[in-house]
């Protein structure tokens, strides 16, 4: 599915569902529940399994993503 986050988006909960995510436009910051953060730019992706690492997303600039659940 295609998803667009507007500038200033911050997820209001931790997600424990598995995803494959590709950033198409903008920048996406992913925070893991252990405190690690990753800044993803266009062309970058990540993959996480169900119940593996709770995570949440934020973007200052806005982001367009392709996500497979």
N, C-alpha and C. Protein backbone atom coordinates (compact mmCIF):
# COMPACT_ATOMS: atom_id res chain seq x y z
N UNK A 1 0.83 -1.17 0.00
CA UNK A 1 0.00 0.00 0.00
C UNK A 1 0.88 1.24 0.00
N UNK A 2 0.37 2.31 -0.59
CA UNK A 2 1.06 3.59 -0.58
C UNK A 2 0.53 4.39 0.60
N UNK A 3 1.46 5.03 1.33
CA UNK A 3 1.08 5.83 2.49
C UNK A 3 1.82 7.16 2.41
N UNK A 4 1.13 8.23 2.73
CA UNK A 4 1.78 9.55 2.79
C UNK A 4 1.59 10.11 4.19
N UNK A 5 2.70 10.51 4.82
CA UNK A 5 2.66 11.18 6.11
C UNK A 5 2.91 12.66 5.87
N UNK A 6 2.13 13.50 6.50
CA UNK A 6 2.30 14.94 6.37
C UNK A 6 3.44 15.42 7.27
N UNK A 7 4.01 16.58 6.97
CA UNK A 7 5.07 17.12 7.83
C UNK A 7 4.61 17.20 9.29
N UNK A 8 5.48 16.79 10.18
CA UNK A 8 5.18 16.82 11.61
C UNK A 8 4.49 15.57 12.14
N UNK A 9 4.25 14.58 11.27
CA UNK A 9 3.59 13.34 11.71
C UNK A 9 4.41 12.64 12.78
N UNK A 10 3.73 12.15 13.83
CA UNK A 10 4.33 11.31 14.87
C UNK A 10 3.31 10.25 15.25
N UNK A 11 3.68 8.98 15.10
CA UNK A 11 2.78 7.90 15.47
C UNK A 11 2.46 8.00 16.96
N UNK A 12 1.20 7.75 17.32
CA UNK A 12 0.79 7.89 18.71
C UNK A 12 0.84 6.57 19.49
N UNK A 13 1.42 5.54 18.87
CA UNK A 13 1.54 4.25 19.55
C UNK A 13 2.70 3.45 18.98
N UNK A 14 3.14 2.46 19.72
CA UNK A 14 4.17 1.54 19.26
C UNK A 14 3.50 0.45 18.44
N UNK A 15 4.12 0.06 17.34
CA UNK A 15 3.59 -0.98 16.46
C UNK A 15 4.46 -2.23 16.60
N UNK A 16 3.82 -3.37 16.81
CA UNK A 16 4.58 -4.62 16.91
C UNK A 16 4.31 -5.53 15.71
N UNK A 17 3.62 -4.99 14.73
CA UNK A 17 3.31 -5.73 13.50
C UNK A 17 4.50 -5.73 12.55
N UNK A 18 4.67 -6.77 11.80
CA UNK A 18 5.75 -6.84 10.83
C UNK A 18 5.45 -6.03 9.58
N UNK A 19 6.50 -5.45 8.99
CA UNK A 19 6.36 -4.65 7.78
C UNK A 19 7.61 -4.77 6.91
N UNK A 20 7.43 -4.51 5.66
CA UNK A 20 8.52 -4.15 4.75
C UNK A 20 8.16 -2.76 4.28
N UNK A 21 9.07 -1.81 4.44
CA UNK A 21 8.77 -0.41 4.16
C UNK A 21 9.86 0.17 3.27
N UNK A 22 9.45 0.91 2.24
CA UNK A 22 10.37 1.58 1.32
C UNK A 22 10.00 3.06 1.29
N UNK A 23 10.97 3.93 1.52
CA UNK A 23 10.74 5.38 1.45
C UNK A 23 10.89 5.81 -0.01
N UNK A 24 9.83 6.42 -0.54
CA UNK A 24 9.84 6.89 -1.92
C UNK A 24 10.20 8.37 -2.00
N UNK A 25 9.70 9.16 -1.04
CA UNK A 25 9.96 10.61 -1.02
C UNK A 25 10.05 11.06 0.43
N UNK A 26 10.79 12.13 0.68
CA UNK A 26 10.88 12.70 2.02
C UNK A 26 11.83 11.91 2.91
N UNK A 27 11.66 12.09 4.21
CA UNK A 27 12.48 11.39 5.20
C UNK A 27 11.58 10.85 6.30
N UNK A 28 11.91 9.66 6.79
CA UNK A 28 11.14 9.01 7.84
C UNK A 28 12.09 8.61 8.95
N UNK A 29 11.76 9.00 10.17
CA UNK A 29 12.54 8.56 11.33
C UNK A 29 11.79 7.42 11.99
N UNK A 30 12.47 6.31 12.16
CA UNK A 30 11.89 5.16 12.85
C UNK A 30 12.59 5.00 14.18
N UNK A 31 11.80 4.92 15.24
CA UNK A 31 12.32 4.74 16.59
C UNK A 31 11.93 3.36 17.08
N UNK A 32 12.89 2.60 17.60
CA UNK A 32 12.60 1.31 18.20
C UNK A 32 12.38 1.49 19.69
N UNK A 33 11.65 0.58 20.31
CA UNK A 33 11.32 0.72 21.73
C UNK A 33 12.54 0.69 22.63
N UNK A 34 13.68 0.21 22.13
CA UNK A 34 14.91 0.20 22.94
C UNK A 34 15.66 1.53 22.85
N UNK A 35 15.10 2.51 22.11
CA UNK A 35 15.69 3.83 22.03
C UNK A 35 16.49 4.11 20.77
N UNK A 36 16.80 3.10 19.98
CA UNK A 36 17.54 3.33 18.74
C UNK A 36 16.64 4.06 17.74
N UNK A 37 17.24 4.96 16.95
CA UNK A 37 16.50 5.66 15.91
C UNK A 37 17.26 5.56 14.60
N UNK A 38 16.52 5.56 13.51
CA UNK A 38 17.09 5.45 12.18
C UNK A 38 16.41 6.47 11.28
N UNK A 39 17.19 7.22 10.51
CA UNK A 39 16.64 8.17 9.56
C UNK A 39 16.70 7.55 8.17
N UNK A 40 15.55 7.35 7.57
CA UNK A 40 15.45 6.73 6.26
C UNK A 40 15.16 7.79 5.21
N UNK A 41 15.91 7.75 4.13
CA UNK A 41 15.76 8.70 3.02
C UNK A 41 15.28 7.95 1.79
N UNK A 42 14.89 8.65 0.73
CA UNK A 42 14.38 7.98 -0.46
C UNK A 42 15.31 6.86 -0.96
N UNK A 43 14.71 5.72 -1.24
CA UNK A 43 15.46 4.55 -1.71
C UNK A 43 15.86 3.62 -0.58
N UNK A 44 15.73 4.06 0.67
CA UNK A 44 16.08 3.22 1.82
C UNK A 44 14.84 2.45 2.27
N UNK A 45 15.09 1.29 2.88
CA UNK A 45 13.98 0.45 3.34
C UNK A 45 14.35 -0.24 4.64
N UNK A 46 13.33 -0.80 5.28
CA UNK A 46 13.59 -1.68 6.42
C UNK A 46 12.54 -2.77 6.45
N UNK A 47 12.88 -3.80 7.19
CA UNK A 47 12.01 -4.96 7.33
C UNK A 47 12.02 -5.35 8.79
N UNK A 48 10.86 -5.64 9.34
CA UNK A 48 10.75 -6.09 10.73
C UNK A 48 9.67 -7.17 10.78
N UNK A 49 9.91 -8.20 11.57
CA UNK A 49 8.97 -9.31 11.70
C UNK A 49 7.93 -9.01 12.77
N UNK A 50 6.80 -9.71 12.73
CA UNK A 50 5.78 -9.57 13.76
C UNK A 50 6.40 -9.81 15.14
N UNK A 51 6.06 -8.95 16.08
CA UNK A 51 6.48 -9.07 17.49
C UNK A 51 7.99 -9.10 17.69
N UNK A 52 8.76 -8.60 16.72
CA UNK A 52 10.22 -8.63 16.83
C UNK A 52 10.76 -7.39 17.53
N UNK A 53 10.41 -6.21 17.06
CA UNK A 53 10.92 -4.97 17.63
C UNK A 53 9.84 -3.91 17.52
N UNK A 54 9.17 -3.58 18.61
CA UNK A 54 8.17 -2.52 18.55
C UNK A 54 8.80 -1.23 18.03
N UNK A 55 8.07 -0.53 17.18
CA UNK A 55 8.61 0.65 16.51
C UNK A 55 7.51 1.68 16.30
N UNK A 56 7.94 2.92 16.07
CA UNK A 56 7.01 3.98 15.70
C UNK A 56 7.72 4.93 14.76
N UNK A 57 6.95 5.63 13.97
CA UNK A 57 7.50 6.48 12.92
C UNK A 57 7.16 7.94 13.16
N UNK A 58 8.02 8.80 12.62
CA UNK A 58 7.80 10.24 12.66
C UNK A 58 8.46 10.84 11.42
N UNK A 59 8.00 12.03 11.02
CA UNK A 59 8.64 12.75 9.93
C UNK A 59 8.48 14.25 10.15
N UNK A 60 9.56 14.97 10.01
CA UNK A 60 9.52 16.43 10.09
C UNK A 60 9.09 17.03 8.76
N UNK A 61 9.51 16.40 7.66
CA UNK A 61 9.34 16.96 6.32
C UNK A 61 8.16 16.40 5.56
N UNK A 62 7.62 15.28 6.02
CA UNK A 62 6.62 14.53 5.26
C UNK A 62 7.32 13.39 4.56
N UNK A 63 6.58 12.35 4.24
CA UNK A 63 7.17 11.18 3.58
C UNK A 63 6.11 10.42 2.81
N UNK A 64 6.54 9.86 1.68
CA UNK A 64 5.69 8.97 0.87
C UNK A 64 6.35 7.60 0.94
N UNK A 65 5.55 6.59 1.33
CA UNK A 65 6.09 5.25 1.60
C UNK A 65 5.33 4.19 0.82
N UNK A 66 6.03 3.09 0.55
CA UNK A 66 5.39 1.88 0.07
C UNK A 66 5.57 0.85 1.18
N UNK A 67 4.45 0.33 1.69
CA UNK A 67 4.49 -0.59 2.84
C UNK A 67 3.80 -1.89 2.47
N UNK A 68 4.43 -3.00 2.85
CA UNK A 68 3.82 -4.33 2.73
C UNK A 68 3.69 -4.89 4.15
N UNK A 69 2.46 -5.17 4.56
CA UNK A 69 2.22 -5.75 5.90
C UNK A 69 2.21 -7.25 5.83
